[in-house]
């Protein structure tokens, strides 16, 4: 089978690999029907994910059909259409039992697929801990509707979940890329008073205005004054930093009102500075880290009920045989790309 492979920092290539086999009774083999390219894949290419293993198949955004299951798997069976979670987790360790599945202590715990073990930008993928990592897609939900459930939509859901948004709040989201849009969709479920989205790229601002006209949109240059003018207490009540840009961490805490909550879900290429003397007295609460992606079943239910729709994010479609071209377009943000769907053909 063909697989998009991490060769070395700065180099990916389409290579030929053997079809994966069950290695553990808790494994499942999934035939990938649609996958996608994530910005985190580009972080691997750029050397920002040192734990990524050269030679692995890339990809952690995928849906597919179960082909085989190990003897200990009870949740899914061959023939089931499923989402695949970005994280693998045992479900038994201290962190898993408390819902902190990103910190699962198993050697394959956390972000493993497409990083430390073979991922889904290929035809078949082995999924460890299948009972935790796979969720059946409802019959009325299409593969494209479910494509982002296991990663960027799980991230947006988790960010909104821990942000303590109330109906009285002004929420500021930094970043209008795919994860920013998923965060926006999930924040809207909390019914805040208003949402402001800050994005530097004009194409992405147009996308937000076209699809979400109730959201206020601004540029980074005007973000501080714009947020101040559109909030009641000297800044946003909740800030969700999804951009991971050079100055967006600073912008996040500067635009927050005193005693606000700042959620940092962005993955940065460089260290960030916490200038405590400058922010003294703001009494901010920071929540940071990788997604605890254990709410996929709840997300699929919201999609089934028509409360979340991420299909507008899919602006380009390519067969797996042309994934290198898809990467070129996605990495260079050509043709107003938002997200790419990679199909079996």
C-alpha atoms as a PDB file:
ATOM      1  CA  UNK A   1       0.000   0.000   0.000  1.00  0.00           C
ATOM      2  CA  UNK A   2       1.134   3.603  -0.522  1.00  0.00           C
ATOM      3  CA  UNK A   3       1.762   5.828   2.487  1.00  0.00           C
ATOM      4  CA  UNK A   4       2.809   9.439   3.037  1.00  0.00           C
ATOM      5  CA  UNK A   5       5.984   8.998   5.061  1.00  0.00           C
ATOM      6  CA  UNK A   6       8.157  11.203   7.287  1.00  0.00           C
ATOM      7  CA  UNK A   7      11.659  10.654   5.864  1.00  0.00           C
ATOM      8  CA  UNK A   8      13.630  13.249   7.827  1.00  0.00           C
ATOM      9  CA  UNK A   9      13.159  16.857   8.995  1.00  0.00           C
ATOM     10  CA  UNK A  10      12.148  18.852   5.948  1.00  0.00           C
ATOM     11  CA  UNK A  11      11.251  15.829   3.839  1.00  0.00           C
ATOM     12  CA  UNK A  12       8.059  13.801   3.359  1.00  0.00           C
ATOM     13  CA  UNK A  13       7.579  11.283   0.539  1.00  0.00           C
ATOM     14  CA  UNK A  14       5.010   8.839  -0.786  1.00  0.00           C
ATOM     15  CA  UNK A  15       6.412   5.340  -0.190  1.00  0.00           C
ATOM     16  CA  UNK A  16       5.310   1.716  -0.457  1.00  0.00           C
ATOM     17  CA  UNK A  17       4.603  -0.139   2.796  1.00  0.00           C
ATOM     18  CA  UNK A  18       3.100  -3.432   3.898  1.00  0.00           C
ATOM     19  CA  UNK A  19      -0.466  -3.543   5.154  1.00  0.00           C
ATOM     20  CA  UNK A  20      -0.481  -3.372   8.984  1.00  0.00           C
ATOM     21  CA  UNK A  21      -1.386  -6.406  11.092  1.00  0.00           C
ATOM     22  CA  UNK A  22      -2.941  -6.812  14.526  1.00  0.00           C
ATOM     23  CA  UNK A  23      -0.196  -6.676  17.148  1.00  0.00           C
ATOM     24  CA  UNK A  24      -2.275  -6.687  20.326  1.00  0.00           C
ATOM     25  CA  UNK A  25      -5.706  -8.081  21.298  1.00  0.00           C
ATOM     26  CA  UNK A  26      -6.888  -4.488  21.801  1.00  0.00           C
ATOM     27  CA  UNK A  27      -5.933  -3.399  18.240  1.00  0.00           C
ATOM     28  CA  UNK A  28      -8.151  -2.804  15.224  1.00  0.00           C
ATOM     29  CA  UNK A  29      -7.265  -2.474  11.550  1.00  0.00           C
ATOM     30  CA  UNK A  30      -9.176   0.302   9.787  1.00  0.00           C
ATOM     31  CA  UNK A  31      -9.441   0.852   6.040  1.00  0.00           C
ATOM     32  CA  UNK A  32      -9.056   4.595   5.637  1.00  0.00           C
ATOM     33  CA  UNK A  33     -11.814   6.107   3.476  1.00  0.00           C
ATOM     34  CA  UNK A  34     -10.913   9.789   3.995  1.00  0.00           C
ATOM     35  CA  UNK A  35      -7.977  11.437   5.713  1.00  0.00           C
ATOM     36  CA  UNK A  36      -6.753  15.001   5.950  1.00  0.00           C
ATOM     37  CA  UNK A  37      -3.630  17.104   6.419  1.00  0.00           C
ATOM     38  CA  UNK A  38      -3.168  18.952   9.696  1.00  0.00           C
ATOM     39  CA  UNK A  39      -0.917  21.859  10.578  1.00  0.00           C
ATOM     40  CA  UNK A  40       0.631  19.507  13.143  1.00  0.00           C
ATOM     41  CA  UNK A  41       1.895  17.419  10.208  1.00  0.00           C
ATOM     42  CA  UNK A  42       3.721  20.524   9.004  1.00  0.00           C
ATOM     43  CA  UNK A  43       5.159  21.004  12.504  1.00  0.00           C
ATOM     44  CA  UNK A  44       6.685  17.528  12.118  1.00  0.00           C
ATOM     45  CA  UNK A  45       8.161  18.508   8.772  1.00  0.00           C
ATOM     46  CA  UNK A  46       9.620  21.691  10.202  1.00  0.00           C
ATOM     47  CA  UNK A  47      11.265  19.845  13.103  1.00  0.00           C
ATOM     48  CA  UNK A  48       8.993  21.242  15.813  1.00  0.00           C
ATOM     49  CA  UNK A  49       7.893  17.802  17.058  1.00  0.00           C
ATOM     50  CA  UNK A  50      11.090  16.113  18.270  1.00  0.00           C
ATOM     51  CA  UNK A  51       9.233  12.984  19.397  1.00  0.00           C
ATOM     52  CA  UNK A  52       8.126  12.290  15.813  1.00  0.00           C
ATOM     53  CA  UNK A  53       9.836   9.169  14.466  1.00  0.00           C
ATOM     54  CA  UNK A  54      11.390   9.181  10.975  1.00  0.00           C
ATOM     55  CA  UNK A  55       9.877   6.460   8.829  1.00  0.00           C
ATOM     56  CA  UNK A  56       6.359   6.657  10.268  1.00  0.00           C
ATOM     57  CA  UNK A  57       3.293   7.090   8.106  1.00  0.00           C
ATOM     58  CA  UNK A  58       1.881  10.559   8.667  1.00  0.00           C
ATOM     59  CA  UNK A  59      -1.682  11.526   9.439  1.00  0.00           C
ATOM     60  CA  UNK A  60      -3.954  11.625  12.474  1.00  0.00           C
ATOM     61  CA  UNK A  61      -7.171  12.989  10.926  1.00  0.00           C
ATOM     62  CA  UNK A  62      -9.123  10.140   9.362  1.00  0.00           C
ATOM     63  CA  UNK A  63     -12.296   8.112   9.202  1.00  0.00           C
ATOM     64  CA  UNK A  64     -12.736   4.634   7.807  1.00  0.00           C
ATOM     65  CA  UNK A  65     -14.238   1.176   7.998  1.00  0.00           C
ATOM     66  CA  UNK A  66     -13.175  -1.459  10.518  1.00  0.00           C
ATOM     67  CA  UNK A  67     -11.553  -4.429   8.751  1.00  0.00           C
ATOM     68  CA  UNK A  68     -10.291  -6.535  11.671  1.00  0.00           C
ATOM     69  CA  UNK A  69     -10.424  -6.387  15.452  1.00  0.00           C
ATOM     70  CA  UNK A  70      -8.382  -8.052  18.158  1.00  0.00           C
ATOM     71  CA  UNK A  71      -9.912 -10.581  20.517  1.00  0.00           C
ATOM     72  CA  UNK A  72     -10.274  -8.013  23.338  1.00  0.00           C
ATOM     73  CA  UNK A  73     -12.122  -5.386  21.257  1.00  0.00           C
ATOM     74  CA  UNK A  74     -15.832  -5.152  22.107  1.00  0.00           C
ATOM     75  CA  UNK A  75     -16.958  -1.659  21.062  1.00  0.00           C
ATOM     76  CA  UNK A  76     -16.628  -1.968  17.268  1.00  0.00           C
ATOM     77  CA  UNK A  77     -16.763  -4.787  14.736  1.00  0.00           C
ATOM     78  CA  UNK A  78     -15.731  -5.320  11.110  1.00  0.00           C
ATOM     79  CA  UNK A  79     -17.872  -3.262   8.767  1.00  0.00           C
ATOM     80  CA  UNK A  80     -18.455  -0.373  11.197  1.00  0.00           C
ATOM     81  CA  UNK A  81     -17.775   3.126   9.910  1.00  0.00           C
ATOM     82  CA  UNK A  82     -15.675   4.881  12.529  1.00  0.00           C
ATOM     83  CA  UNK A  83     -13.864   8.044  13.483  1.00  0.00           C
ATOM     84  CA  UNK A  84     -10.285   7.611  14.645  1.00  0.00           C
ATOM     85  CA  UNK A  85      -9.128   9.570  17.678  1.00  0.00           C
ATOM     86  CA  UNK A  86      -5.950  11.635  17.387  1.00  0.00           C
ATOM     87  CA  UNK A  87      -4.867  10.182  20.728  1.00  0.00           C
ATOM     88  CA  UNK A  88      -4.389   6.604  21.761  1.00  0.00           C
ATOM     89  CA  UNK A  89      -5.122   5.911  25.405  1.00  0.00           C
ATOM     90  CA  UNK A  90      -5.412   2.833  27.574  1.00  0.00           C
ATOM     91  CA  UNK A  91      -8.463   3.927  29.571  1.00  0.00           C
ATOM     92  CA  UNK A  92      -6.988   2.425  32.737  1.00  0.00           C
ATOM     93  CA  UNK A  93      -4.126   4.569  34.057  1.00  0.00           C
ATOM     94  CA  UNK A  94      -4.544   7.450  36.537  1.00  0.00           C
ATOM     95  CA  UNK A  95      -4.736  10.090  33.802  1.00  0.00           C
ATOM     96  CA  UNK A  96      -7.195   8.171  31.627  1.00  0.00           C
ATOM     97  CA  UNK A  97      -9.478   7.471  34.592  1.00  0.00           C
ATOM     98  CA  UNK A  98      -9.624  11.224  35.273  1.00  0.00           C
ATOM     99  CA  UNK A  99     -10.268  12.154  31.647  1.00  0.00           C
ATOM    100  CA  UNK A 100      -6.730  13.436  31.004  1.00  0.00           C
ATOM    101  CA  UNK A 101      -6.211  11.044  28.123  1.00  0.00           C
ATOM    102  CA  UNK A 102      -3.560  13.200  26.450  1.00  0.00           C
ATOM    103  CA  UNK A 103      -1.272  12.162  29.304  1.00  0.00           C
ATOM    104  CA  UNK A 104      -1.938   8.427  29.169  1.00  0.00           C
ATOM    105  CA  UNK A 105       1.098   6.672  30.617  1.00  0.00           C
ATOM    106  CA  UNK A 106       1.097   3.764  28.160  1.00  0.00           C
ATOM    107  CA  UNK A 107       4.081   3.857  25.738  1.00  0.00           C
ATOM    108  CA  UNK A 108       1.600   4.426  22.917  1.00  0.00           C
ATOM    109  CA  UNK A 109      -0.442   6.940  24.910  1.00  0.00           C
ATOM    110  CA  UNK A 110      -1.185  10.489  23.790  1.00  0.00           C
ATOM    111  CA  UNK A 111      -0.507  11.649  20.237  1.00  0.00           C
ATOM    112  CA  UNK A 112       1.001   8.527  18.707  1.00  0.00           C
ATOM    113  CA  UNK A 113      -0.747   8.022  15.351  1.00  0.00           C
ATOM    114  CA  UNK A 114       1.178   9.783  12.614  1.00  0.00           C
ATOM    115  CA  UNK A 115       3.833  10.866  15.099  1.00  0.00           C
ATOM    116  CA  UNK A 116       5.347   7.877  16.908  1.00  0.00           C
ATOM    117  CA  UNK A 117       3.472   5.038  15.164  1.00  0.00           C
ATOM    118  CA  UNK A 118       2.079   4.763  11.636  1.00  0.00           C
ATOM    119  CA  UNK A 119      -0.863   7.061  10.964  1.00  0.00           C
ATOM    120  CA  UNK A 120      -3.668   7.377   8.443  1.00  0.00           C
ATOM    121  CA  UNK A 121      -2.407   9.072   5.272  1.00  0.00           C
ATOM    122  CA  UNK A 122      -2.466   5.663   3.665  1.00  0.00           C
ATOM    123  CA  UNK A 123      -4.915   2.851   2.889  1.00  0.00           C
ATOM    124  CA  UNK A 124      -4.950   0.904   6.170  1.00  0.00           C
ATOM    125  CA  UNK A 125      -4.024   1.859   9.735  1.00  0.00           C
ATOM    126  CA  UNK A 126      -3.574  -0.095  12.948  1.00  0.00           C
ATOM    127  CA  UNK A 127      -5.347   1.605  15.851  1.00  0.00           C
ATOM    128  CA  UNK A 128      -4.187   0.596  19.364  1.00  0.00           C
ATOM    129  CA  UNK A 129      -6.773   0.582  22.169  1.00  0.00           C
ATOM    130  CA  UNK A 130      -9.548   0.455  19.603  1.00  0.00           C
ATOM    131  CA  UNK A 131     -12.314   0.530  22.213  1.00  0.00           C
ATOM    132  CA  UNK A 132     -11.079   3.964  23.299  1.00  0.00           C
ATOM    133  CA  UNK A 133      -9.842   5.303  19.950  1.00  0.00           C
ATOM    134  CA  UNK A 134     -12.723   4.413  17.626  1.00  0.00           C
ATOM    135  CA  UNK A 135     -16.303   5.691  17.628  1.00  0.00           C
ATOM    136  CA  UNK A 136     -19.079   4.496  15.334  1.00  0.00           C
ATOM    137  CA  UNK A 137     -20.356   7.111  12.897  1.00  0.00           C
ATOM    138  CA  UNK A 138     -24.175   7.415  12.946  1.00  0.00           C
ATOM    139  CA  UNK A 139     -25.836   6.235   9.741  1.00  0.00           C
ATOM    140  CA  UNK A 140     -27.117   9.743   8.939  1.00  0.00           C
ATOM    141  CA  UNK A 141     -23.645  11.307   9.243  1.00  0.00           C
ATOM    142  CA  UNK A 142     -21.358  11.225   6.191  1.00  0.00           C
ATOM    143  CA  UNK A 143     -17.650  10.484   6.259  1.00  0.00           C
ATOM    144  CA  UNK A 144     -16.885  14.111   5.383  1.00  0.00           C
ATOM    145  CA  UNK A 145     -19.101  15.362   8.194  1.00  0.00           C
ATOM    146  CA  UNK A 146     -17.175  13.137  10.622  1.00  0.00           C
ATOM    147  CA  UNK A 147     -13.673  13.710   9.226  1.00  0.00           C
ATOM    148  CA  UNK A 148     -12.476  16.230  11.824  1.00  0.00           C
ATOM    149  CA  UNK A 149     -14.121  14.686  14.895  1.00  0.00           C
ATOM    150  CA  UNK A 150     -11.000  12.915  16.137  1.00  0.00           C
ATOM    151  CA  UNK A 151      -8.628  15.885  16.059  1.00  0.00           C
ATOM    152  CA  UNK A 152      -9.382  19.534  15.347  1.00  0.00           C
ATOM    153  CA  UNK A 153     -13.048  19.293  16.294  1.00  0.00           C
ATOM    154  CA  UNK A 154     -12.138  17.381  19.453  1.00  0.00           C
ATOM    155  CA  UNK A 155      -9.641  20.159  20.148  1.00  0.00           C
ATOM    156  CA  UNK A 156     -12.232  22.883  19.697  1.00  0.00           C
ATOM    157  CA  UNK A 157     -14.718  20.996  21.867  1.00  0.00           C
ATOM    158  CA  UNK A 158     -12.123  20.482  24.609  1.00  0.00           C
ATOM    159  CA  UNK A 159     -11.083  24.145  24.496  1.00  0.00           C
ATOM    160  CA  UNK A 160     -14.680  25.314  24.857  1.00  0.00           C
ATOM    161  CA  UNK A 161     -15.317  22.725  27.555  1.00  0.00           C
ATOM    162  CA  UNK A 162     -12.506  23.941  29.831  1.00  0.00           C
ATOM    163  CA  UNK A 163     -13.029  27.644  29.122  1.00  0.00           C
ATOM    164  CA  UNK A 164     -16.000  28.140  31.497  1.00  0.00           C
ATOM    165  CA  UNK A 165     -17.847  30.314  28.967  1.00  0.00           C
ATOM    166  CA  UNK A 166     -21.118  31.794  30.235  1.00  0.00           C
ATOM    167  CA  UNK A 167     -23.967  33.557  28.366  1.00  0.00           C
ATOM    168  CA  UNK A 168     -22.712  36.897  29.721  1.00  0.00           C
ATOM    169  CA  UNK A 169     -19.232  36.560  28.211  1.00  0.00           C
ATOM    170  CA  UNK A 170     -17.367  38.182  25.385  1.00  0.00           C
ATOM    171  CA  UNK A 171     -15.148  35.484  23.896  1.00  0.00           C
ATOM    172  CA  UNK A 172     -12.053  36.292  21.858  1.00  0.00           C
ATOM    173  CA  UNK A 173     -10.631  33.601  19.574  1.00  0.00           C
ATOM    174  CA  UNK A 174      -7.170  34.190  18.154  1.00  0.00           C
ATOM    175  CA  UNK A 175      -6.793  32.342  14.868  1.00  0.00           C
ATOM    176  CA  UNK A 176      -9.254  31.702  12.048  1.00  0.00           C
ATOM    177  CA  UNK A 177      -7.648  28.574  10.641  1.00  0.00           C
ATOM    178  CA  UNK A 178      -9.298  25.140  10.746  1.00  0.00           C
ATOM    179  CA  UNK A 179      -8.783  24.617  14.485  1.00  0.00           C
ATOM    180  CA  UNK A 180      -9.908  28.186  15.155  1.00  0.00           C
ATOM    181  CA  UNK A 181     -13.123  27.572  13.221  1.00  0.00           C
ATOM    182  CA  UNK A 182     -13.752  24.327  15.122  1.00  0.00           C
ATOM    183  CA  UNK A 183     -13.168  26.201  18.377  1.00  0.00           C
ATOM    184  CA  UNK A 184     -15.601  28.868  17.203  1.00  0.00           C
ATOM    185  CA  UNK A 185     -18.282  26.266  16.427  1.00  0.00           C
ATOM    186  CA  UNK A 186     -17.926  24.718  19.873  1.00  0.00           C
ATOM    187  CA  UNK A 187     -17.777  28.055  21.700  1.00  0.00           C
ATOM    188  CA  UNK A 188     -21.076  29.017  20.044  1.00  0.00           C
ATOM    189  CA  UNK A 189     -22.701  26.039  21.732  1.00  0.00           C
ATOM    190  CA  UNK A 190     -22.134  27.863  25.044  1.00  0.00           C
ATOM    191  CA  UNK A 191     -24.229  30.835  23.799  1.00  0.00           C
ATOM    192  CA  UNK A 192     -21.871  33.657  24.839  1.00  0.00           C
ATOM    193  CA  UNK A 193     -22.998  37.255  24.458  1.00  0.00           C
ATOM    194  CA  UNK A 194     -20.580  37.798  21.575  1.00  0.00           C
ATOM    195  CA  UNK A 195     -17.618  36.189  19.860  1.00  0.00           C
ATOM    196  CA  UNK A 196     -14.716  38.100  18.369  1.00  0.00           C
ATOM    197  CA  UNK A 197     -12.341  36.309  16.030  1.00  0.00           C
ATOM    198  CA  UNK A 198      -8.925  37.738  15.233  1.00  0.00           C
ATOM    199  CA  UNK A 199      -7.194  36.568  12.054  1.00  0.00           C
ATOM    200  CA  UNK A 200      -4.354  38.089  10.036  1.00  0.00           C
ATOM    201  CA  UNK A 201      -5.178  36.575   6.621  1.00  0.00           C
ATOM    202  CA  UNK A 202      -7.812  38.323   4.538  1.00  0.00           C
ATOM    203  CA  UNK A 203      -8.967  35.072   2.897  1.00  0.00           C
ATOM    204  CA  UNK A 204      -9.686  33.520   6.259  1.00  0.00           C
ATOM    205  CA  UNK A 205     -11.482  36.639   7.469  1.00  0.00           C
ATOM    206  CA  UNK A 206     -13.677  36.443   4.365  1.00  0.00           C
ATOM    207  CA  UNK A 207     -14.394  32.796   5.130  1.00  0.00           C
ATOM    208  CA  UNK A 208     -15.510  33.645   8.678  1.00  0.00           C
ATOM    209  CA  UNK A 209     -17.688  36.545   7.567  1.00  0.00           C
ATOM    210  CA  UNK A 210     -19.322  34.434   4.843  1.00  0.00           C
ATOM    211  CA  UNK A 211     -20.121  31.412   6.984  1.00  0.00           C
ATOM    212  CA  UNK A 212     -20.535  32.959  10.459  1.00  0.00           C
ATOM    213  CA  UNK A 213     -21.940  36.483  10.007  1.00  0.00           C
ATOM    214  CA  UNK A 214     -22.812  36.800  13.706  1.00  0.00           C
ATOM    215  CA  UNK A 215     -19.110  36.702  14.643  1.00  0.00           C
ATOM    216  CA  UNK A 216     -17.153  39.968  14.914  1.00  0.00           C
ATOM    217  CA  UNK A 217     -13.904  39.828  12.934  1.00  0.00           C
ATOM    218  CA  UNK A 218     -10.722  41.873  13.297  1.00  0.00           C
ATOM    219  CA  UNK A 219      -7.028  41.864  12.431  1.00  0.00           C
ATOM    220  CA  UNK A 220      -4.178  41.445  14.941  1.00  0.00           C
ATOM    221  CA  UNK A 221      -3.205  45.099  14.483  1.00  0.00           C
ATOM    222  CA  UNK A 222      -6.617  46.314  15.661  1.00  0.00           C
ATOM    223  CA  UNK A 223      -7.389  43.461  18.057  1.00  0.00           C
ATOM    224  CA  UNK A 224      -6.660  45.240  21.367  1.00  0.00           C
ATOM    225  CA  UNK A 225      -8.760  48.308  20.643  1.00  0.00           C
ATOM    226  CA  UNK A 226     -11.454  46.306  18.879  1.00  0.00           C
ATOM    227  CA  UNK A 227     -11.804  43.916  21.820  1.00  0.00           C
ATOM    228  CA  UNK A 228     -11.875  46.777  24.300  1.00  0.00           C
ATOM    229  CA  UNK A 229     -14.596  48.531  22.286  1.00  0.00           C
ATOM    230  CA  UNK A 230     -16.720  45.380  22.084  1.00  0.00           C
ATOM    231  CA  UNK A 231     -16.435  44.125  25.658  1.00  0.00           C
ATOM    232  CA  UNK A 232     -17.779  45.484  28.890  1.00  0.00           C
ATOM    233  CA  UNK A 233     -15.033  45.101  31.478  1.00  0.00           C
ATOM    234  CA  UNK A 234     -11.749  46.130  29.938  1.00  0.00           C
ATOM    235  CA  UNK A 235     -11.237  43.127  27.700  1.00  0.00           C
ATOM    236  CA  UNK A 236     -12.507  39.694  26.785  1.00  0.00           C
ATOM    237  CA  UNK A 237     -13.911  37.470  29.520  1.00  0.00           C
ATOM    238  CA  UNK A 238     -12.454  34.389  27.843  1.00  0.00           C
ATOM    239  CA  UNK A 239      -9.585  34.258  25.335  1.00  0.00           C
ATOM    240  CA  UNK A 240      -8.882  31.148  23.284  1.00  0.00           C
ATOM    241  CA  UNK A 241      -5.414  31.254  21.687  1.00  0.00           C
ATOM    242  CA  UNK A 242      -5.490  28.918  18.696  1.00  0.00           C
ATOM    243  CA  UNK A 243      -3.136  30.725  16.302  1.00  0.00           C
ATOM    244  CA  UNK A 244       0.331  29.947  17.653  1.00  0.00           C
ATOM    245  CA  UNK A 245       1.851  32.959  15.920  1.00  0.00           C
ATOM    246  CA  UNK A 246       4.912  34.941  16.871  1.00  0.00           C
ATOM    247  CA  UNK A 247       3.003  37.503  18.949  1.00  0.00           C
ATOM    248  CA  UNK A 248      -0.332  35.798  19.613  1.00  0.00           C
ATOM    249  CA  UNK A 249       0.462  34.564  23.119  1.00  0.00           C
ATOM    250  CA  UNK A 250       1.192  38.111  24.220  1.00  0.00           C
ATOM    251  CA  UNK A 251      -1.904  39.345  22.413  1.00  0.00           C
ATOM    252  CA  UNK A 252      -3.997  36.773  24.261  1.00  0.00           C
ATOM    253  CA  UNK A 253      -3.212  38.001  27.756  1.00  0.00           C
ATOM    254  CA  UNK A 254      -3.146  41.675  26.752  1.00  0.00           C
ATOM    255  CA  UNK A 255      -6.706  41.436  25.357  1.00  0.00           C
ATOM    256  CA  UNK A 256      -8.047  39.603  28.420  1.00  0.00           C
ATOM    257  CA  UNK A 257      -9.861  41.562  31.117  1.00  0.00           C
ATOM    258  CA  UNK A 258      -8.668  41.259  34.723  1.00  0.00           C
ATOM    259  CA  UNK A 259      -9.574  37.861  36.222  1.00  0.00           C
ATOM    260  CA  UNK A 260     -10.244  36.413  32.768  1.00  0.00           C
ATOM    261  CA  UNK A 261      -9.533  32.878  31.601  1.00  0.00           C
ATOM    262  CA  UNK A 262      -6.959  32.399  28.838  1.00  0.00           C
ATOM    263  CA  UNK A 263      -7.011  29.050  27.036  1.00  0.00           C
ATOM    264  CA  UNK A 264      -3.869  28.198  25.062  1.00  0.00           C
ATOM    265  CA  UNK A 265      -4.361  25.313  22.636  1.00  0.00           C
ATOM    266  CA  UNK A 266      -1.886  26.519  19.999  1.00  0.00           C
ATOM    267  CA  UNK A 267       1.294  24.581  19.226  1.00  0.00           C
ATOM    268  CA  UNK A 268       4.210  27.022  19.006  1.00  0.00           C
ATOM    269  CA  UNK A 269       7.433  26.718  17.033  1.00  0.00           C
ATOM    270  CA  UNK A 270       9.306  28.792  19.644  1.00  0.00           C
ATOM    271  CA  UNK A 271       9.319  29.216  23.416  1.00  0.00           C
ATOM    272  CA  UNK A 272       6.882  31.792  24.763  1.00  0.00           C
ATOM    273  CA  UNK A 273       7.632  34.293  27.536  1.00  0.00           C
ATOM    274  CA  UNK A 274       5.391  34.808  30.540  1.00  0.00           C
ATOM    275  CA  UNK A 275       6.203  38.427  31.544  1.00  0.00           C
ATOM    276  CA  UNK A 276       4.797  38.295  35.052  1.00  0.00           C
ATOM    277  CA  UNK A 277       5.811  41.844  36.081  1.00  0.00           C
ATOM    278  CA  UNK A 278       3.877  43.291  33.134  1.00  0.00           C
ATOM    279  CA  UNK A 279       0.750  41.270  33.814  1.00  0.00           C
ATOM    280  CA  UNK A 280       0.871  41.653  37.593  1.00  0.00           C
ATOM    281  CA  UNK A 281      -2.556  42.489  38.957  1.00  0.00           C
ATOM    282  CA  UNK A 282      -4.522  41.102  36.010  1.00  0.00           C
ATOM    283  CA  UNK A 283      -5.070  37.904  38.040  1.00  0.00           C
ATOM    284  CA  UNK A 284      -5.431  35.754  34.936  1.00  0.00           C
ATOM    285  CA  UNK A 285      -6.094  32.032  34.855  1.00  0.00           C
ATOM    286  CA  UNK A 286      -4.178  30.167  32.133  1.00  0.00           C
ATOM    287  CA  UNK A 287      -5.164  26.726  30.884  1.00  0.00           C
ATOM    288  CA  UNK A 288      -2.799  25.154  28.386  1.00  0.00           C
ATOM    289  CA  UNK A 289      -1.905  21.929  26.675  1.00  0.00           C
ATOM    290  CA  UNK A 290      -2.948  19.253  24.225  1.00  0.00           C
ATOM    291  CA  UNK A 291      -6.505  18.105  23.731  1.00  0.00           C
ATOM    292  CA  UNK A 292      -7.998  15.427  25.942  1.00  0.00           C
ATOM    293  CA  UNK A 293      -9.836  13.834  23.050  1.00  0.00           C
ATOM    294  CA  UNK A 294     -12.292  11.610  24.876  1.00  0.00           C
ATOM    295  CA  UNK A 295     -15.547  13.325  23.809  1.00  0.00           C
ATOM    296  CA  UNK A 296     -15.816  12.063  20.235  1.00  0.00           C
ATOM    297  CA  UNK A 297     -19.090  10.225  20.827  1.00  0.00           C
ATOM    298  CA  UNK A 298     -20.664  13.432  22.184  1.00  0.00           C
ATOM    299  CA  UNK A 299     -19.348  15.385  19.190  1.00  0.00           C
ATOM    300  CA  UNK A 300     -20.785  12.852  16.733  1.00  0.00           C
ATOM    301  CA  UNK A 301     -24.158  13.234  18.465  1.00  0.00           C
ATOM    302  CA  UNK A 302     -23.998  17.020  17.985  1.00  0.00           C
ATOM    303  CA  UNK A 303     -23.224  16.525  14.301  1.00  0.00           C
ATOM    304  CA  UNK A 304     -26.100  14.060  13.976  1.00  0.00           C
ATOM    305  CA  UNK A 305     -28.409  16.659  15.567  1.00  0.00           C
ATOM    306  CA  UNK A 306     -27.269  19.346  13.123  1.00  0.00           C
ATOM    307  CA  UNK A 307     -25.627  21.493  15.810  1.00  0.00           C
ATOM    308  CA  UNK A 308     -22.110  21.318  14.336  1.00  0.00           C
ATOM    309  CA  UNK A 309     -21.148  21.290  10.660  1.00  0.00           C
ATOM    310  CA  UNK A 310     -17.491  21.375   9.635  1.00  0.00           C
ATOM    311  CA  UNK A 311     -17.964  20.466   5.973  1.00  0.00           C
ATOM    312  CA  UNK A 312     -17.441  24.094   4.797  1.00  0.00           C
ATOM    313  CA  UNK A 313     -13.827  23.669   5.926  1.00  0.00           C
ATOM    314  CA  UNK A 314     -13.191  21.138   3.155  1.00  0.00           C
ATOM    315  CA  UNK A 315     -12.179  23.332   0.250  1.00  0.00           C
ATOM    316  CA  UNK A 316     -10.022  20.842  -1.686  1.00  0.00           C
ATOM    317  CA  UNK A 317     -10.196  17.110  -2.416  1.00  0.00           C
ATOM    318  CA  UNK A 318      -7.418  14.860  -3.720  1.00  0.00           C
ATOM    319  CA  UNK A 319      -6.946  11.114  -4.125  1.00  0.00           C
ATOM    320  CA  UNK A 320      -4.211   9.548  -2.005  1.00  0.00           C
ATOM    321  CA  UNK A 321      -2.024   9.179  -5.088  1.00  0.00           C
ATOM    322  CA  UNK A 322      -1.869  13.001  -5.330  1.00  0.00           C
ATOM    323  CA  UNK A 323      -1.278  13.738  -1.646  1.00  0.00           C
ATOM    324  CA  UNK A 324       2.083  15.369  -2.337  1.00  0.00           C
ATOM    325  CA  UNK A 325       0.296  18.006  -4.418  1.00  0.00           C
ATOM    326  CA  UNK A 326      -2.251  18.417  -1.621  1.00  0.00           C
ATOM    327  CA  UNK A 327       0.590  19.048   0.837  1.00  0.00           C
ATOM    328  CA  UNK A 328       2.100  21.681  -1.459  1.00  0.00           C
ATOM    329  CA  UNK A 329      -1.195  23.565  -1.633  1.00  0.00           C
ATOM    330  CA  UNK A 330      -1.927  23.230   2.085  1.00  0.00           C
ATOM    331  CA  UNK A 331       1.557  24.145   3.298  1.00  0.00           C
ATOM    332  CA  UNK A 332       1.774  27.210   1.067  1.00  0.00           C
ATOM    333  CA  UNK A 333      -1.880  28.195   1.639  1.00  0.00           C
ATOM    334  CA  UNK A 334      -2.590  28.381  -2.071  1.00  0.00           C
ATOM    335  CA  UNK A 335      -5.983  28.799  -3.723  1.00  0.00           C
ATOM    336  CA  UNK A 336      -7.597  29.923  -0.429  1.00  0.00           C
ATOM    337  CA  UNK A 337      -7.293  26.391   0.958  1.00  0.00           C
ATOM    338  CA  UNK A 338      -8.736  25.697   4.375  1.00  0.00           C
ATOM    339  CA  UNK A 339      -8.707  21.904   4.686  1.00  0.00           C
ATOM    340  CA  UNK A 340      -7.984  19.090   2.247  1.00  0.00           C
ATOM    341  CA  UNK A 341      -9.805  15.753   2.088  1.00  0.00           C
ATOM    342  CA  UNK A 342      -7.665  12.833   0.894  1.00  0.00           C
ATOM    343  CA  UNK A 343      -9.781  10.051  -0.599  1.00  0.00           C
ATOM    344  CA  UNK A 344      -9.102   6.405  -1.378  1.00  0.00           C
ATOM    345  CA  UNK A 345      -8.955   6.795  -5.157  1.00  0.00           C
END
